[in-house]
């Protein structure tokens, strides 16, 4: 995306390649691949330089905003980590789209394993990508936090907000479908024991 942005600003793929430290064929290939992914032309040649198509102009604004967001985020991460150096962060220049997809998946799921499953990758691959992101950012991005699993005590605990058990029973009275998502953990039950009677008391409850 950066080479496209430079080409849009300069009107020249050659200058864009030079600014991004790429060969001209590599820059041309990158822009062509981007157009293929988007399914629309972004640049058109006019006389001695390139200009943007309507789609390219709209995409250029989004790309500029996205790269500025990455740049600001990298600087904020350095400040949050107590970084006092005035060196320019290179995260937004070095990070790849694949690495960003990994970062988003890990942040959304809170787990390397679940993120790997979501991305269709192996867990070691996602873990290596996470560490490479930290190396590029220059700060730690992930920390291991042990979260308690769903417990039967929380099911019956009257202090837990509306109370999980009461909420479920109220929901059941409506006879509306109740969808539960669960993540399997080694040595753990899929659902806590309070759910067990539901599977044998149709038609109010149905476990699939």
C-alpha atoms as a PDB file:
ATOM      1  CA  UNK A   1       0.000   0.000   0.000  1.00  0.00           C
ATOM      2  CA  UNK A   2       2.882   2.342   0.689  1.00  0.00           C
ATOM      3  CA  UNK A   3       4.286   2.027  -2.817  1.00  0.00           C
ATOM      4  CA  UNK A   4       0.819   2.791  -4.216  1.00  0.00           C
ATOM      5  CA  UNK A   5       0.560   5.843  -1.968  1.00  0.00           C
ATOM      6  CA  UNK A   6       3.944   7.131  -3.127  1.00  0.00           C
ATOM      7  CA  UNK A   7       3.003   6.516  -6.759  1.00  0.00           C
ATOM      8  CA  UNK A   8      -0.226   8.443  -6.229  1.00  0.00           C
ATOM      9  CA  UNK A   9       1.639  11.360  -4.660  1.00  0.00           C
ATOM     10  CA  UNK A  10       4.486  11.552  -7.169  1.00  0.00           C
ATOM     11  CA  UNK A  11       2.737  10.327 -10.313  1.00  0.00           C
ATOM     12  CA  UNK A  12       5.705   8.052 -10.918  1.00  0.00           C
ATOM     13  CA  UNK A  13       6.187   4.364 -10.158  1.00  0.00           C
ATOM     14  CA  UNK A  14       9.954   4.850 -10.478  1.00  0.00           C
ATOM     15  CA  UNK A  15      10.022   7.501  -7.748  1.00  0.00           C
ATOM     16  CA  UNK A  16       7.665   5.416  -5.627  1.00  0.00           C
ATOM     17  CA  UNK A  17       9.982   2.428  -5.958  1.00  0.00           C
ATOM     18  CA  UNK A  18      12.976   4.557  -4.987  1.00  0.00           C
ATOM     19  CA  UNK A  19      11.246   5.974  -1.914  1.00  0.00           C
ATOM     20  CA  UNK A  20      10.145   2.502  -0.812  1.00  0.00           C
ATOM     21  CA  UNK A  21      13.576   0.972  -1.511  1.00  0.00           C
ATOM     22  CA  UNK A  22      12.206  -1.371  -4.158  1.00  0.00           C
ATOM     23  CA  UNK A  23      13.100  -2.107  -7.742  1.00  0.00           C
ATOM     24  CA  UNK A  24      10.731  -0.657 -10.316  1.00  0.00           C
ATOM     25  CA  UNK A  25       9.492  -4.115 -11.424  1.00  0.00           C
ATOM     26  CA  UNK A  26       8.772  -5.009  -7.789  1.00  0.00           C
ATOM     27  CA  UNK A  27       6.857  -1.760  -7.281  1.00  0.00           C
ATOM     28  CA  UNK A  28       4.863  -2.301 -10.466  1.00  0.00           C
ATOM     29  CA  UNK A  29       4.072  -5.860  -9.413  1.00  0.00           C
ATOM     30  CA  UNK A  30       2.938  -4.687  -5.962  1.00  0.00           C
ATOM     31  CA  UNK A  31       0.534  -2.135  -7.444  1.00  0.00           C
ATOM     32  CA  UNK A  32      -0.768  -4.657  -9.978  1.00  0.00           C
ATOM     33  CA  UNK A  33      -1.396  -7.190  -7.213  1.00  0.00           C
ATOM     34  CA  UNK A  34      -3.195  -4.533  -5.173  1.00  0.00           C
ATOM     35  CA  UNK A  35      -5.440  -3.701  -8.133  1.00  0.00           C
ATOM     36  CA  UNK A  36      -6.135  -7.404  -8.597  1.00  0.00           C
ATOM     37  CA  UNK A  37      -7.072  -7.821  -4.930  1.00  0.00           C
ATOM     38  CA  UNK A  38      -9.410  -4.823  -5.098  1.00  0.00           C
ATOM     39  CA  UNK A  39     -10.842  -5.776  -8.462  1.00  0.00           C
ATOM     40  CA  UNK A  40     -10.475  -2.260  -9.854  1.00  0.00           C
ATOM     41  CA  UNK A  41      -7.785  -0.133 -11.567  1.00  0.00           C
ATOM     42  CA  UNK A  42      -6.132   2.439  -9.323  1.00  0.00           C
ATOM     43  CA  UNK A  43      -3.698   4.228 -11.649  1.00  0.00           C
ATOM     44  CA  UNK A  44      -3.863   5.263 -15.288  1.00  0.00           C
ATOM     45  CA  UNK A  45      -0.999   6.624 -17.381  1.00  0.00           C
ATOM     46  CA  UNK A  46      -1.435  10.158 -18.731  1.00  0.00           C
ATOM     47  CA  UNK A  47       1.409  11.446 -20.889  1.00  0.00           C
ATOM     48  CA  UNK A  48       4.543  11.259 -18.760  1.00  0.00           C
ATOM     49  CA  UNK A  49       2.998  10.359 -15.419  1.00  0.00           C
ATOM     50  CA  UNK A  50       0.334   8.322 -13.686  1.00  0.00           C
ATOM     51  CA  UNK A  51      -2.887   9.724 -12.305  1.00  0.00           C
ATOM     52  CA  UNK A  52      -5.532   8.220 -10.066  1.00  0.00           C
ATOM     53  CA  UNK A  53      -8.789   6.692 -11.196  1.00  0.00           C
ATOM     54  CA  UNK A  54     -11.912   7.527  -9.194  1.00  0.00           C
ATOM     55  CA  UNK A  55     -11.458   4.293  -7.286  1.00  0.00           C
ATOM     56  CA  UNK A  56      -7.769   5.078  -6.825  1.00  0.00           C
ATOM     57  CA  UNK A  57      -8.528   8.521  -5.401  1.00  0.00           C
ATOM     58  CA  UNK A  58     -10.947   7.062  -2.854  1.00  0.00           C
ATOM     59  CA  UNK A  59      -8.521   4.286  -1.953  1.00  0.00           C
ATOM     60  CA  UNK A  60      -5.601   6.723  -1.643  1.00  0.00           C
ATOM     61  CA  UNK A  61      -7.415   8.612   1.116  1.00  0.00           C
ATOM     62  CA  UNK A  62      -8.084   5.385   3.015  1.00  0.00           C
ATOM     63  CA  UNK A  63      -4.489   4.201   2.618  1.00  0.00           C
ATOM     64  CA  UNK A  64      -3.084   7.520   3.843  1.00  0.00           C
ATOM     65  CA  UNK A  65      -5.369   7.445   6.892  1.00  0.00           C
ATOM     66  CA  UNK A  66      -4.491   3.810   7.655  1.00  0.00           C
ATOM     67  CA  UNK A  67      -0.733   4.375   7.448  1.00  0.00           C
ATOM     68  CA  UNK A  68      -0.992   7.522   9.573  1.00  0.00           C
ATOM     69  CA  UNK A  69      -2.956   5.507  12.116  1.00  0.00           C
ATOM     70  CA  UNK A  70      -0.220   2.857  12.200  1.00  0.00           C
ATOM     71  CA  UNK A  71       2.437   5.540  12.564  1.00  0.00           C
ATOM     72  CA  UNK A  72       0.616   7.219  15.458  1.00  0.00           C
ATOM     73  CA  UNK A  73      -0.005   3.846  17.093  1.00  0.00           C
ATOM     74  CA  UNK A  74       3.672   2.931  16.908  1.00  0.00           C
ATOM     75  CA  UNK A  75       4.667   6.219  18.535  1.00  0.00           C
ATOM     76  CA  UNK A  76       2.033   5.785  21.254  1.00  0.00           C
ATOM     77  CA  UNK A  77       3.293   2.260  21.966  1.00  0.00           C
ATOM     78  CA  UNK A  78       6.847   3.539  22.359  1.00  0.00           C
ATOM     79  CA  UNK A  79       5.715   6.270  24.743  1.00  0.00           C
ATOM     80  CA  UNK A  80       3.627   3.829  26.773  1.00  0.00           C
ATOM     81  CA  UNK A  81       6.681   1.616  27.135  1.00  0.00           C
ATOM     82  CA  UNK A  82       8.766   4.504  28.465  1.00  0.00           C
ATOM     83  CA  UNK A  83      10.746   4.912  25.259  1.00  0.00           C
ATOM     84  CA  UNK A  84      12.667   8.184  25.484  1.00  0.00           C
ATOM     85  CA  UNK A  85      14.546   7.924  22.212  1.00  0.00           C
ATOM     86  CA  UNK A  86      13.644  10.371  19.464  1.00  0.00           C
ATOM     87  CA  UNK A  87      14.253   7.791  16.769  1.00  0.00           C
ATOM     88  CA  UNK A  88      11.537   7.598  14.147  1.00  0.00           C
ATOM     89  CA  UNK A  89       9.416   4.449  14.580  1.00  0.00           C
ATOM     90  CA  UNK A  90       9.559   2.169  11.536  1.00  0.00           C
ATOM     91  CA  UNK A  91       6.574  -0.043  12.339  1.00  0.00           C
ATOM     92  CA  UNK A  92       4.312   1.471   9.682  1.00  0.00           C
ATOM     93  CA  UNK A  93       7.097   1.113   7.092  1.00  0.00           C
ATOM     94  CA  UNK A  94       7.980  -2.485   7.921  1.00  0.00           C
ATOM     95  CA  UNK A  95       4.760  -4.245   8.919  1.00  0.00           C
ATOM     96  CA  UNK A  96       3.019  -6.420   6.337  1.00  0.00           C
ATOM     97  CA  UNK A  97      -0.685  -7.012   5.730  1.00  0.00           C
ATOM     98  CA  UNK A  98      -0.302 -10.628   6.890  1.00  0.00           C
ATOM     99  CA  UNK A  99       1.259  -9.469  10.158  1.00  0.00           C
ATOM    100  CA  UNK A 100      -1.588  -7.019  10.721  1.00  0.00           C
ATOM    101  CA  UNK A 101      -4.137  -9.792  10.146  1.00  0.00           C
ATOM    102  CA  UNK A 102      -2.345 -11.845  12.799  1.00  0.00           C
ATOM    103  CA  UNK A 103      -2.291  -8.903  15.203  1.00  0.00           C
ATOM    104  CA  UNK A 104      -6.021  -8.270  14.788  1.00  0.00           C
ATOM    105  CA  UNK A 105      -6.891 -11.963  15.183  1.00  0.00           C
ATOM    106  CA  UNK A 106      -4.839 -12.276  18.380  1.00  0.00           C
ATOM    107  CA  UNK A 107      -6.346  -9.088  19.803  1.00  0.00           C
ATOM    108  CA  UNK A 108      -9.881 -10.230  18.961  1.00  0.00           C
ATOM    109  CA  UNK A 109      -9.545 -13.754  20.362  1.00  0.00           C
ATOM    110  CA  UNK A 110      -7.019 -13.244  23.164  1.00  0.00           C
ATOM    111  CA  UNK A 111      -5.372 -16.518  22.214  1.00  0.00           C
ATOM    112  CA  UNK A 112      -2.632 -17.607  19.812  1.00  0.00           C
ATOM    113  CA  UNK A 113      -4.358 -20.962  19.382  1.00  0.00           C
ATOM    114  CA  UNK A 114      -7.808 -19.569  18.607  1.00  0.00           C
ATOM    115  CA  UNK A 115      -6.294 -16.890  16.359  1.00  0.00           C
ATOM    116  CA  UNK A 116      -4.436 -19.598  14.429  1.00  0.00           C
ATOM    117  CA  UNK A 117      -7.669 -21.541  13.956  1.00  0.00           C
ATOM    118  CA  UNK A 118      -9.456 -18.399  12.801  1.00  0.00           C
ATOM    119  CA  UNK A 119      -6.714 -17.620  10.274  1.00  0.00           C
ATOM    120  CA  UNK A 120      -6.271 -21.210   9.122  1.00  0.00           C
ATOM    121  CA  UNK A 121      -2.630 -21.227  10.244  1.00  0.00           C
ATOM    122  CA  UNK A 122      -0.595 -23.283  12.683  1.00  0.00           C
ATOM    123  CA  UNK A 123      -0.184 -22.003  16.226  1.00  0.00           C
ATOM    124  CA  UNK A 124       3.647 -21.821  15.950  1.00  0.00           C
ATOM    125  CA  UNK A 125       3.293 -19.686  12.816  1.00  0.00           C
ATOM    126  CA  UNK A 126       1.017 -17.214  14.582  1.00  0.00           C
ATOM    127  CA  UNK A 127       3.331 -17.167  17.605  1.00  0.00           C
ATOM    128  CA  UNK A 128       6.376 -16.427  15.430  1.00  0.00           C
ATOM    129  CA  UNK A 129       4.476 -13.670  13.650  1.00  0.00           C
ATOM    130  CA  UNK A 130       3.523 -12.131  16.992  1.00  0.00           C
ATOM    131  CA  UNK A 131       7.152 -12.086  18.102  1.00  0.00           C
ATOM    132  CA  UNK A 132       8.262 -10.582  14.790  1.00  0.00           C
ATOM    133  CA  UNK A 133       5.670  -7.837  15.270  1.00  0.00           C
ATOM    134  CA  UNK A 134       7.115  -7.068  18.689  1.00  0.00           C
ATOM    135  CA  UNK A 135      10.596  -6.900  17.170  1.00  0.00           C
ATOM    136  CA  UNK A 136       9.401  -4.425  14.533  1.00  0.00           C
ATOM    137  CA  UNK A 137       7.478  -2.320  17.056  1.00  0.00           C
ATOM    138  CA  UNK A 138      10.363  -2.314  19.523  1.00  0.00           C
ATOM    139  CA  UNK A 139       8.008  -2.942  22.446  1.00  0.00           C
ATOM    140  CA  UNK A 140       6.192  -5.977  23.882  1.00  0.00           C
ATOM    141  CA  UNK A 141       2.693  -6.234  22.439  1.00  0.00           C
ATOM    142  CA  UNK A 142       1.383  -9.346  24.171  1.00  0.00           C
ATOM    143  CA  UNK A 143       1.378 -10.649  27.710  1.00  0.00           C
ATOM    144  CA  UNK A 144       0.062 -13.939  29.035  1.00  0.00           C
ATOM    145  CA  UNK A 145      -2.925 -13.524  31.334  1.00  0.00           C
ATOM    146  CA  UNK A 146      -4.649 -16.435  33.010  1.00  0.00           C
ATOM    147  CA  UNK A 147      -8.407 -15.941  32.985  1.00  0.00           C
ATOM    148  CA  UNK A 148     -10.688 -18.062  35.170  1.00  0.00           C
ATOM    149  CA  UNK A 149     -12.910 -20.500  33.303  1.00  0.00           C
ATOM    150  CA  UNK A 150     -16.667 -20.508  33.674  1.00  0.00           C
ATOM    151  CA  UNK A 151     -17.463 -21.980  37.087  1.00  0.00           C
ATOM    152  CA  UNK A 152     -20.562 -23.508  38.603  1.00  0.00           C
ATOM    153  CA  UNK A 153     -20.210 -21.029  41.470  1.00  0.00           C
ATOM    154  CA  UNK A 154     -20.660 -18.128  39.075  1.00  0.00           C
ATOM    155  CA  UNK A 155     -23.715 -19.866  37.669  1.00  0.00           C
ATOM    156  CA  UNK A 156     -25.462 -19.860  41.051  1.00  0.00           C
ATOM    157  CA  UNK A 157     -23.856 -16.725  42.510  1.00  0.00           C
ATOM    158  CA  UNK A 158     -26.608 -14.115  43.121  1.00  0.00           C
ATOM    159  CA  UNK A 159     -24.010 -11.329  43.102  1.00  0.00           C
ATOM    160  CA  UNK A 160     -23.015 -11.911  39.479  1.00  0.00           C
ATOM    161  CA  UNK A 161     -25.205  -9.194  37.966  1.00  0.00           C
ATOM    162  CA  UNK A 162     -28.536 -10.577  36.834  1.00  0.00           C
ATOM    163  CA  UNK A 163     -27.328 -14.078  37.726  1.00  0.00           C
ATOM    164  CA  UNK A 164     -26.515 -16.451  34.905  1.00  0.00           C
ATOM    165  CA  UNK A 165     -28.950 -19.100  36.029  1.00  0.00           C
ATOM    166  CA  UNK A 166     -31.864 -16.698  36.452  1.00  0.00           C
ATOM    167  CA  UNK A 167     -31.160 -15.065  33.104  1.00  0.00           C
ATOM    168  CA  UNK A 168     -31.122 -18.408  31.348  1.00  0.00           C
ATOM    169  CA  UNK A 169     -34.354 -19.506  32.999  1.00  0.00           C
ATOM    170  CA  UNK A 170     -36.077 -16.263  32.024  1.00  0.00           C
ATOM    171  CA  UNK A 171     -34.853 -16.700  28.476  1.00  0.00           C
ATOM    172  CA  UNK A 172     -36.185 -20.262  28.411  1.00  0.00           C
ATOM    173  CA  UNK A 173     -39.700 -19.074  29.254  1.00  0.00           C
ATOM    174  CA  UNK A 174     -39.793 -17.194  25.972  1.00  0.00           C
ATOM    175  CA  UNK A 175     -39.056 -20.476  24.144  1.00  0.00           C
ATOM    176  CA  UNK A 176     -36.706 -18.513  21.904  1.00  0.00           C
ATOM    177  CA  UNK A 177     -33.580 -20.342  20.700  1.00  0.00           C
ATOM    178  CA  UNK A 178     -30.530 -19.901  22.904  1.00  0.00           C
ATOM    179  CA  UNK A 179     -27.159 -20.231  21.201  1.00  0.00           C
ATOM    180  CA  UNK A 180     -24.120 -20.932  23.368  1.00  0.00           C
ATOM    181  CA  UNK A 181     -20.571 -20.747  22.071  1.00  0.00           C
ATOM    182  CA  UNK A 182     -17.949 -22.720  23.959  1.00  0.00           C
ATOM    183  CA  UNK A 183     -14.235 -23.304  23.630  1.00  0.00           C
ATOM    184  CA  UNK A 184     -12.947 -26.761  24.520  1.00  0.00           C
ATOM    185  CA  UNK A 185     -10.194 -26.845  27.126  1.00  0.00           C
ATOM    186  CA  UNK A 186      -8.193 -29.961  28.012  1.00  0.00           C
ATOM    187  CA  UNK A 187      -9.629 -31.721  31.035  1.00  0.00           C
ATOM    188  CA  UNK A 188     -12.708 -29.480  31.189  1.00  0.00           C
ATOM    189  CA  UNK A 189     -16.385 -30.069  30.570  1.00  0.00           C
ATOM    190  CA  UNK A 190     -17.948 -28.514  27.518  1.00  0.00           C
ATOM    191  CA  UNK A 191     -20.702 -26.999  29.688  1.00  0.00           C
ATOM    192  CA  UNK A 192     -21.011 -26.764  33.470  1.00  0.00           C
ATOM    193  CA  UNK A 193     -23.306 -29.226  35.225  1.00  0.00           C
ATOM    194  CA  UNK A 194     -26.253 -26.793  35.517  1.00  0.00           C
ATOM    195  CA  UNK A 195     -26.665 -27.095  31.747  1.00  0.00           C
ATOM    196  CA  UNK A 196     -26.967 -30.891  31.835  1.00  0.00           C
ATOM    197  CA  UNK A 197     -30.679 -31.130  32.766  1.00  0.00           C
ATOM    198  CA  UNK A 198     -31.564 -28.894  29.843  1.00  0.00           C
ATOM    199  CA  UNK A 199     -30.799 -31.618  27.314  1.00  0.00           C
ATOM    200  CA  UNK A 200     -33.365 -33.988  28.835  1.00  0.00           C
ATOM    201  CA  UNK A 201     -36.252 -31.555  29.349  1.00  0.00           C
ATOM    202  CA  UNK A 202     -37.698 -30.819  25.907  1.00  0.00           C
ATOM    203  CA  UNK A 203     -39.253 -28.855  24.394  1.00  0.00           C
ATOM    204  CA  UNK A 204     -38.194 -25.837  26.453  1.00  0.00           C
ATOM    205  CA  UNK A 205     -34.494 -26.566  26.081  1.00  0.00           C
ATOM    206  CA  UNK A 206     -32.528 -28.147  23.316  1.00  0.00           C
ATOM    207  CA  UNK A 207     -28.791 -28.747  23.207  1.00  0.00           C
ATOM    208  CA  UNK A 208     -27.337 -29.310  19.771  1.00  0.00           C
END
